[in-house]
Amino acid sequence: MNLIRTTALLALIALLALPVEAQRRLYNQDEVAELLYAREDSLELIPEVTYKYYVLQHERNNSIWARHDLYAMVGEGDANTGKEKLGIVEFFNRVQVHDLGIGDTLILPSHYDLDHRAYAPYPRYYEGAAELDKLFIIHKGIQAWAAYENGRLKRWGLVNTGTVGSRTPAGRFNFNWKEERRVSTLSPPGETWLMRWVFNFHHERGIHIHQYQMPTGAPASHGCVRTILNDAQWIYNWADGWRTTAGTATRGLASANGRIIEQGTTVLVLGDGEEPSGPPQRFLDVNGAPSIRVAELPASPYDIAPGTHQQVMFDRQREQQTSRSTP
């Protein structure tokens, strides 16, 4: 199956339960990157995508022929082409298409092979962030992240946030220091939990964005935010960290990098208390039709309460600068 060409968005209806074994599987991180980022277009040229339910069925009650009919429909008569386009159903839903049987329900998109932002669980435009050159958002309910540039969606991807007892803190933060490779302080005796492309956004608690293994089900980390390798590296290079009197912060201790003179890219962690106990619900039923669940964003990023004492200090500085510049 040629997964690189596949950027269609298919999903099993949210009511279908997955076995526990499926929830424990790990994403193939290279494959996820190929599926999501195979194509990039101008945001204005990406068409809107609608969705419909599709029930696998065949007059002979034969699941093999039912899947063949599905392939042919998606491929506009060419079953082989349709089979290639169905690759992403396995990515988004942790299932193998060839395991589907009579009566299983799929959600099919109106367009295939589009820029990945066509299928994003985030709005393409965020007016409240129009004056921010960069904004990074994590939504714990959707288990996905988004990067905005002047209010325009630049990129999105998947995350695993903290599990029960170690929830990722919600609030407004800033990226600060970063390291390409870091061993987790929570590594048990005799083990090394290596995190790659680490970018911290909660200095007081040591909460980072980083690459690590990613279960396909519920939140799984000890509070940090896991991403695939391709995303972690992209975020590492895209986001801005602290600017200090010694330059850009690249180590764990701010004091080792001089005094902080400018905060990094703003980070919002939303969806507190919405963490799923299993795979996140990606679609909602609206008037009998499936609709992708889109994150609700605040009118302004500054409507979200600061998540650290340091952020409170940054807010105070920002307000003072605003008052001084106001005639």
Protein backbone atom coordinates (compact mmCIF):
# COMPACT_ATOMS: atom_id res chain seq x y z
CA MET A 1 0.00 0.00 0.00
CA ASN A 2 1.44 3.37 -0.99
CA LEU A 3 0.90 5.32 2.22
CA ILE A 4 2.82 8.42 1.09
CA ARG A 5 0.10 9.27 -1.40
CA THR A 6 -2.63 8.88 1.17
CA THR A 7 -3.99 11.98 2.88
CA ALA A 8 -7.69 11.18 2.96
CA LEU A 9 -9.42 11.37 6.30
CA LEU A 10 -11.41 8.28 7.23
CA ALA A 11 -12.52 7.23 10.68
CA LEU A 12 -14.56 4.54 12.36
CA ILE A 13 -17.65 5.92 13.99
CA ALA A 14 -16.80 6.93 17.55
CA LEU A 15 -19.30 4.49 19.06
CA LEU A 16 -17.37 1.47 17.82
CA ALA A 17 -15.33 0.12 20.72
CA LEU A 18 -11.73 -0.91 20.16
CA PRO A 19 -10.26 -3.93 21.94
CA VAL A 20 -7.77 -3.22 24.72
CA GLU A 21 -4.98 -4.74 22.64
CA ALA A 22 -5.60 -2.21 19.86
CA GLN A 23 -5.45 0.69 22.31
CA ARG A 24 -1.99 -0.44 23.43
CA ARG A 25 -0.48 -0.44 19.98
CA LEU A 26 2.08 2.18 19.08
CA TYR A 27 1.99 4.55 16.13
CA ASN A 28 4.49 3.91 13.36
CA GLN A 29 5.95 7.40 13.58
CA ASP A 30 7.53 7.45 10.11
CA GLU A 31 4.26 6.30 8.59
CA VAL A 32 2.27 8.96 10.44
CA ALA A 33 4.60 11.67 9.12
CA GLU A 34 4.19 10.39 5.55
CA LEU A 35 0.42 10.36 5.88
CA LEU A 36 0.09 13.81 7.39
CA TYR A 37 2.69 15.84 5.56
CA ALA A 38 2.85 14.42 2.05
CA ARG A 39 1.33 17.59 0.61
CA GLU A 40 1.26 21.28 1.44
CA ASP A 41 -0.87 23.86 -0.37
CA SER A 42 -1.90 27.45 0.13
CA LEU A 43 -4.32 27.55 3.03
CA GLU A 44 -6.85 29.54 0.98
CA LEU A 45 -6.91 26.88 -1.75
CA ILE A 46 -7.76 23.94 0.50
CA PRO A 47 -11.42 22.98 0.00
CA GLU A 48 -13.78 22.40 2.89
CA VAL A 49 -14.31 18.74 3.72
CA THR A 50 -17.62 17.17 4.69
CA TYR A 51 -18.19 13.62 5.89
CA LYS A 52 -20.72 10.83 5.57
CA TYR A 53 -21.40 7.45 7.14
CA TYR A 54 -20.68 4.36 5.10
CA VAL A 55 -21.87 0.92 6.20
CA LEU A 56 -19.90 -2.02 4.83
CA GLN A 57 -22.40 -4.31 3.09
CA HIS A 58 -22.85 -6.60 0.10
CA GLU A 59 -25.84 -8.42 -1.41
CA ARG A 60 -24.15 -11.78 -0.78
CA ASN A 61 -23.23 -10.80 2.78
CA ASN A 62 -19.60 -11.35 1.84
CA SER A 63 -17.13 -9.07 3.66
CA ILE A 64 -14.40 -9.52 1.02
CA TRP A 65 -16.69 -8.29 -1.76
CA ALA A 66 -18.01 -5.55 0.53
CA ARG A 67 -14.47 -4.23 1.02
CA HIS A 68 -13.87 -4.49 -2.74
CA ASP A 69 -16.96 -2.34 -3.35
CA LEU A 70 -15.60 0.19 -0.86
CA TYR A 71 -12.23 0.30 -2.63
CA ALA A 72 -13.92 0.74 -6.01
CA MET A 73 -16.13 3.55 -4.73
CA VAL A 74 -13.24 5.46 -3.17
CA GLY A 75 -11.11 4.90 -6.27
CA GLU A 76 -13.93 6.04 -8.59
CA GLY A 77 -14.10 2.62 -10.19
CA ASP A 78 -10.49 1.59 -9.65
CA ALA A 79 -10.28 -0.73 -6.63
CA ASN A 80 -6.47 -0.57 -6.46
CA THR A 81 -6.48 3.23 -6.31
CA GLY A 82 -9.21 3.15 -3.69
CA LYS A 83 -7.27 0.66 -1.59
CA GLU A 84 -4.27 3.01 -1.55
CA LYS A 85 -6.40 5.91 -0.37
CA LEU A 86 -7.79 3.90 2.53
CA GLY A 87 -4.41 3.69 4.26
CA ILE A 88 -5.18 6.55 6.61
CA VAL A 89 -8.15 4.71 8.12
CA GLU A 90 -5.61 2.51 9.88
CA PHE A 91 -3.70 5.52 11.16
CA PHE A 92 -6.64 7.47 12.58
CA ASN A 93 -8.60 4.48 13.90
CA ARG A 94 -6.05 1.89 14.94
CA VAL A 95 -7.64 -0.78 12.74
CA GLN A 96 -6.69 -2.79 9.69
CA VAL A 97 -9.09 -2.27 6.79
CA HIS A 98 -8.92 -5.95 5.85
CA ASP A 99 -10.29 -6.81 9.33
CA LEU A 100 -13.52 -4.88 8.76
CA GLY A 101 -16.66 -6.92 8.24
CA ILE A 102 -20.29 -6.63 7.20
CA GLY A 103 -22.10 -3.97 9.23
CA ASP A 104 -19.03 -1.99 10.28
CA THR A 105 -19.52 1.76 9.86
CA LEU A 106 -16.94 4.13 8.41
CA ILE A 107 -16.84 7.87 8.05
CA LEU A 108 -15.81 8.93 4.55
CA PRO A 109 -14.60 12.39 3.52
CA SER A 110 -15.86 14.34 0.54
CA HIS A 111 -12.27 14.97 -0.68
CA TYR A 112 -9.15 12.85 -0.72
CA ASP A 113 -5.41 13.59 -1.05
CA LEU A 114 -5.57 17.11 0.38
CA ASP A 115 -3.19 19.16 2.49
CA HIS A 116 -3.35 17.71 6.03
CA ARG A 117 -4.89 20.93 7.38
CA ALA A 118 -8.10 20.06 5.50
CA TYR A 119 -8.72 17.38 8.13
CA ALA A 120 -7.47 19.28 11.18
CA PRO A 121 -9.38 19.23 14.49
CA TYR A 122 -8.57 22.94 14.74
CA PRO A 123 -10.01 25.98 12.90
CA ARG A 124 -7.91 27.09 9.93
CA TYR A 125 -8.06 30.70 11.07
CA TYR A 126 -7.87 31.94 14.67
CA GLU A 127 -8.71 35.64 14.73
CA GLY A 128 -7.79 35.98 18.39
CA ALA A 129 -4.17 35.11 17.58
CA ALA A 130 -3.85 37.33 14.49
CA GLU A 131 -1.35 39.62 16.20
CA LEU A 132 0.86 36.81 17.49
CA ASP A 133 3.58 35.77 15.09
CA LYS A 134 3.49 32.26 16.60
CA LEU A 135 1.11 30.39 18.89
CA PHE A 136 1.24 26.75 19.95
CA ILE A 137 -1.84 24.91 21.25
CA ILE A 138 -2.34 21.52 22.88
CA HIS A 139 -5.87 20.21 23.42
CA LYS A 140 -6.01 17.36 25.92
CA GLY A 141 -9.53 16.28 24.96
CA ILE A 142 -8.70 15.91 21.28
CA GLN A 143 -5.11 14.75 21.96
CA ALA A 144 -3.75 16.95 19.18
CA TRP A 145 -1.57 20.05 18.80
CA ALA A 146 -1.67 23.02 16.44
CA ALA A 147 0.76 25.75 15.41
CA TYR A 148 -0.55 29.13 14.25
CA GLU A 149 1.29 31.98 12.56
CA ASN A 150 -0.57 35.31 12.80
CA GLY A 151 -3.79 33.38 13.30
CA ARG A 152 -3.32 31.05 10.33
CA LEU A 153 -3.03 27.31 10.92
CA LYS A 154 0.47 26.24 9.95
CA ARG A 155 0.56 22.63 11.07
CA TRP A 156 -1.10 20.13 13.41
CA GLY A 157 -0.36 16.67 14.75
CA LEU A 158 -1.06 14.11 17.45
CA VAL A 159 -0.01 14.04 21.10
CA ASN A 160 -0.15 11.82 24.17
CA THR A 161 -0.59 13.97 27.27
CA GLY A 162 -0.31 12.92 30.92
CA THR A 163 -2.27 10.01 32.29
CA VAL A 164 -4.35 9.81 35.49
CA GLY A 165 -2.27 10.98 38.46
CA SER A 166 0.17 12.83 36.19
CA ARG A 167 -2.09 15.07 34.11
CA THR A 168 -0.45 17.67 31.89
CA PRO A 169 -1.18 21.03 33.54
CA ALA A 170 -3.60 23.33 31.73
CA GLY A 171 -3.12 27.05 31.26
CA ARG A 172 -0.99 29.54 29.36
CA PHE A 173 2.76 29.05 29.18
CA ASN A 174 5.76 29.86 27.00
CA PHE A 175 8.42 27.74 25.40
CA ASN A 176 11.67 28.39 27.20
CA TRP A 177 14.75 26.13 27.05
CA LYS A 178 15.38 23.19 24.74
CA GLU A 179 17.73 20.24 24.23
CA GLU A 180 18.09 17.82 21.32
CA ARG A 181 18.52 14.82 23.64
CA ARG A 182 17.59 14.50 27.30
CA VAL A 183 17.27 11.53 29.65
CA SER A 184 14.09 11.64 31.69
CA THR A 185 14.59 12.20 35.42
CA LEU A 186 11.79 9.64 35.91
CA SER A 187 13.82 6.84 34.33
CA PRO A 188 13.65 3.82 36.68
CA PRO A 189 16.88 2.21 37.97
CA GLY A 190 18.67 0.38 35.18
CA GLU A 191 16.63 2.04 32.40
CA THR A 192 17.21 5.09 30.22
CA TRP A 193 14.17 6.95 28.98
CA LEU A 194 15.67 9.01 26.18
CA MET A 195 13.63 11.98 25.00
CA ARG A 196 14.54 13.63 21.69
CA TRP A 197 13.93 17.20 20.46
CA VAL A 198 12.87 18.41 23.90
CA PHE A 199 11.26 21.84 24.29
CA ASN A 200 10.22 22.84 27.80
CA PHE A 201 7.12 24.99 28.42
CA HIS A 202 6.68 24.62 32.20
CA HIS A 203 10.04 25.35 33.78
CA GLU A 204 8.81 25.00 37.37
CA ARG A 205 7.63 21.41 36.87
CA GLY A 206 9.85 20.37 33.99
CA ILE A 207 7.02 19.73 31.48
CA HIS A 208 8.20 19.36 27.89
CA ILE A 209 7.16 18.64 24.34
CA HIS A 210 9.33 15.78 23.09
CA GLN A 211 9.49 12.72 20.87
CA TYR A 212 8.79 9.35 22.44
CA GLN A 213 6.83 6.17 21.80
CA MET A 214 3.16 6.96 21.28
CA PRO A 215 0.34 4.55 22.17
CA THR A 216 -2.61 4.85 19.81
CA GLY A 217 -5.11 5.10 22.65
CA ALA A 218 -5.53 7.27 25.74
CA PRO A 219 -3.09 9.71 27.41
CA ALA A 220 0.03 7.85 28.44
CA SER A 221 2.82 10.12 29.73
CA HIS A 222 3.97 11.24 33.18
CA GLY A 223 2.87 14.81 32.45
CA CYS A 224 4.99 15.73 29.44
CA VAL A 225 3.57 15.83 25.92
CA ARG A 226 4.68 13.15 23.48
CA THR A 227 4.77 13.65 19.72
CA ILE A 228 6.09 11.75 16.74
CA LEU A 229 9.72 12.36 15.78
CA ASN A 230 8.91 14.47 12.70
CA ASP A 231 6.64 16.77 14.74
CA ALA A 232 9.02 17.11 17.69
CA GLN A 233 11.86 18.14 15.39
CA TRP A 234 9.64 20.58 13.50
CA ILE A 235 8.40 22.21 16.73
CA TYR A 236 11.98 22.37 18.05
CA ASN A 237 13.05 24.38 15.00
CA TRP A 238 9.86 26.42 14.59
CA ALA A 239 9.10 27.69 18.09
CA ASP A 240 11.08 30.39 19.88
CA GLY A 241 12.48 29.89 23.36
CA TRP A 242 13.63 32.30 26.01
CA ARG A 243 15.97 35.02 24.90
CA THR A 244 18.38 35.75 27.71
CA THR A 245 21.36 38.01 28.32
CA ALA A 246 23.48 35.01 27.33
CA GLY A 247 21.55 34.27 24.14
CA THR A 248 18.96 31.54 23.44
CA ALA A 249 18.23 29.19 26.32
CA THR A 250 19.32 25.67 25.40
CA ARG A 251 19.88 24.08 28.80
CA GLY A 252 17.66 23.14 31.68
CA LEU A 253 18.62 25.93 34.06
CA ALA A 254 17.69 29.48 33.12
CA SER A 255 20.35 30.82 35.47
CA ALA A 256 22.99 29.08 33.37
CA ASN A 257 21.84 31.10 30.37
CA GLY A 258 21.72 34.53 31.93
CA ARG A 259 18.76 36.73 32.82
CA ILE A 260 15.54 36.25 30.83
CA ILE A 261 14.80 39.32 28.74
CA GLU A 262 12.13 37.96 26.38
CA GLN A 263 9.66 35.12 26.73
CA GLY A 264 9.29 32.41 24.11
CA THR A 265 6.41 31.34 21.89
CA THR A 266 3.09 31.30 23.76
CA VAL A 267 1.74 27.83 24.57
CA LEU A 268 -1.91 27.13 25.45
CA VAL A 269 -2.90 23.84 27.07
CA LEU A 270 -6.67 23.47 26.76
CA GLY A 271 -9.27 20.80 27.47
CA ASP A 272 -8.61 20.36 31.18
CA GLY A 273 -10.71 17.50 32.54
CA GLU A 274 -11.58 16.30 29.02
CA GLU A 275 -8.82 13.69 28.75
CA PRO A 276 -10.26 10.56 27.12
CA SER A 277 -10.07 7.18 28.86
CA GLY A 278 -9.51 5.55 25.47
CA PRO A 279 -8.91 6.77 21.91
CA PRO A 280 -10.07 10.40 21.55
CA GLN A 281 -13.43 11.03 19.93
CA ARG A 282 -12.55 12.59 16.58
CA PHE A 283 -16.09 12.92 15.20
CA LEU A 284 -19.44 14.05 16.52
CA ASP A 285 -22.87 13.17 15.19
CA VAL A 286 -24.65 16.37 14.12
CA ASN A 287 -28.21 15.95 12.83
CA GLY A 288 -27.51 12.39 11.76
CA ALA A 289 -24.26 13.16 9.92
CA PRO A 290 -20.65 12.96 11.12
CA SER A 291 -18.77 16.17 11.78
CA ILE A 292 -15.13 16.41 12.76
CA ARG A 293 -14.68 17.59 16.33
CA VAL A 294 -12.98 20.99 16.17
CA ALA A 295 -11.28 22.47 19.22
CA GLU A 296 -13.02 25.47 20.76
CA LEU A 297 -10.48 28.27 21.17
CA PRO A 298 -10.75 31.29 23.50
CA ALA A 299 -11.57 34.70 22.07
CA SER A 300 -8.02 35.71 22.98
CA PRO A 301 -5.06 33.55 24.08
CA TYR A 302 -4.74 35.90 27.07
CA ASP A 303 -8.18 34.80 28.27
CA ILE A 304 -6.47 31.61 29.43
CA ALA A 305 -5.09 31.92 32.95
CA PRO A 306 -1.31 31.87 33.34
CA GLY A 307 -0.03 28.44 34.30
CA THR A 308 3.09 29.46 36.25
CA HIS A 309 4.26 32.21 38.58
CA GLN A 310 6.74 33.17 35.90
CA GLN A 311 3.93 33.64 33.40
CA VAL A 312 2.22 35.95 35.87
CA MET A 313 5.40 38.03 35.90
CA PHE A 314 5.49 38.12 32.09
CA ASP A 315 1.84 39.21 32.05
CA ARG A 316 2.60 42.04 34.44
CA GLN A 317 5.48 43.20 32.24
CA ARG A 318 3.30 43.03 29.14
CA GLU A 319 0.54 45.06 30.78
CA GLN A 320 3.04 47.69 31.93
CA GLN A 321 4.45 47.99 28.42
CA THR A 322 0.94 48.31 27.00
CA SER A 323 -0.01 51.06 29.46
CA ARG A 324 3.19 53.00 28.70
CA SER A 325 2.56 52.85 24.97
CA THR A 326 -1.09 53.95 25.30
CA PRO A 327 -1.42 57.76 24.84
